[in-house]
Amino acid sequence: MGINHYFCIMKPLLSIIIPFYGTADKKMLERCIASIRNQGMETEDYEILIEDDNGKGLGGARNIGIGKARGEYLLFIDADDYLFPGMLAQCMVLLTQHPDMISFGFQQVSHSNETVRSKEEATSKTYPTGAAFMNEHNFMGTAWRHLFLKEWLLKHRLVFPENAYHEDEAFVAKAYFHAGTTIITNLTVYAYYQCPHSILHKQDVTNRTQRIQNFRQILTDLKKYLKETAAEASPQQQRALQRRIHFLTIDYILQLIHNHYPLLGYPAALKELKKHQFLPLPNEKYSWKYSIARIPLNLFALL
C-alpha cells in the first residue's frame, strides 16, 4: 500500500511501520492504528507507514518502510498486534537520552482492549553499548519490541532478510552488536496478539520445513557476519555476538522440536551443526538454562 496516514511538514520524531498485504485482516489493521492514535501523542510527532511487501515478505515490507520513513526513530508493528494506551508515549520520554536503541516490554493477548497485567513500577537501565547488554542477557529477538534510531540503522546498513521466517533474529542481533547507548525498560508497550490464523500458527509441512531452513540460515549468516567484522569489532562485540550465536544454536534445536522434525533426522542435523562448529557448545556460565542445555546437546553431537 505505502500509505501515509499522517503527513507532517516538519520531520516527525517517530515513524511507525506496519506491514500489511495479501489477505490480512483490515479490522486488525484498524485496531492497530486506533491504538497508535490512543497514545496521547501529538500527530506531528509521528507518521504511520503501511507497507506492502511487493513479494518480499515481512522483511521486505519493513525494508521498504525504512527507506520511506522520515522520522528520527523507527517502530515496527505487526498489523494484528496493537499498543497499550499511553504506554508508547511514556517510553518515548526516554528518547531525550538519544539512544541508538530502546527495548520495552510486551504482553501476549488473545483479544482487544486487554489491560496491562504487570503491576511492577516502571524502571529503565541504560547501557553504554548494545554489546554490553547482549553480553549479560538472553532476549527475545523480535524487532517490534524496540525503537531504533534511523540514522544509525542506515550507517550500519542494517536491513531485514527478505522472503524468510525469523528475519527479526538476524536484524536484532546485529542491532545490539552495533548499538551505542541502549536503554532497556520494563514498560509494557506492545500487545502481542495470539491469532490461530497468523503466519506463525500454520502447521503444514512446507511452512515447517521453511522455518527450520531459515533459522539454520540465520545461524550461518551471523557466524559469517562475526568473521567479516572481526577486524573492526571490539572484543566485547565479538563476545556478545558469539554468545548470541550459542543461544540461537540451542533455539535451532527447539525449532526442530516445535516444527515436528522427524526423529530419524536429528543425528544428521546435529552432525551438520558440529561440522560448521556450532557444536560443541563452550562451557560458559551464561545462565543456568544454557548450562543445562549444553550438556545433552554436546553428548548427542559426539554420537
Foldseek 3Di string as FASTA:
>chain_A
DFDKPDDAPDQAQEEEEEEDDDPDDVVLQVLAVVQVVQQPDDRNNYIYTYFYQVPWPPLSRVQVSLVPHRHQKYAYDYSNKHWAGNLVVVVCVVCVVVWQKEFEAADEDADPPDHDPDPDDKDKDKDQALLVVLLQDDDDQDRNRMMGRSVQCVVVVQGFRTPAPPSSNLRSLVSRLRIGIYMYIHRHTIYHHDDCPDLVNDQDLVSLVRNLVRLVVSLVVLVVVLVVCVVPGDPSSSSSSLSSSLVSVLVSVVSCVVNVPPPVCVLVVLLVCVVVPSPQDDCDPNDPVSNVSNVVSNVSSVD
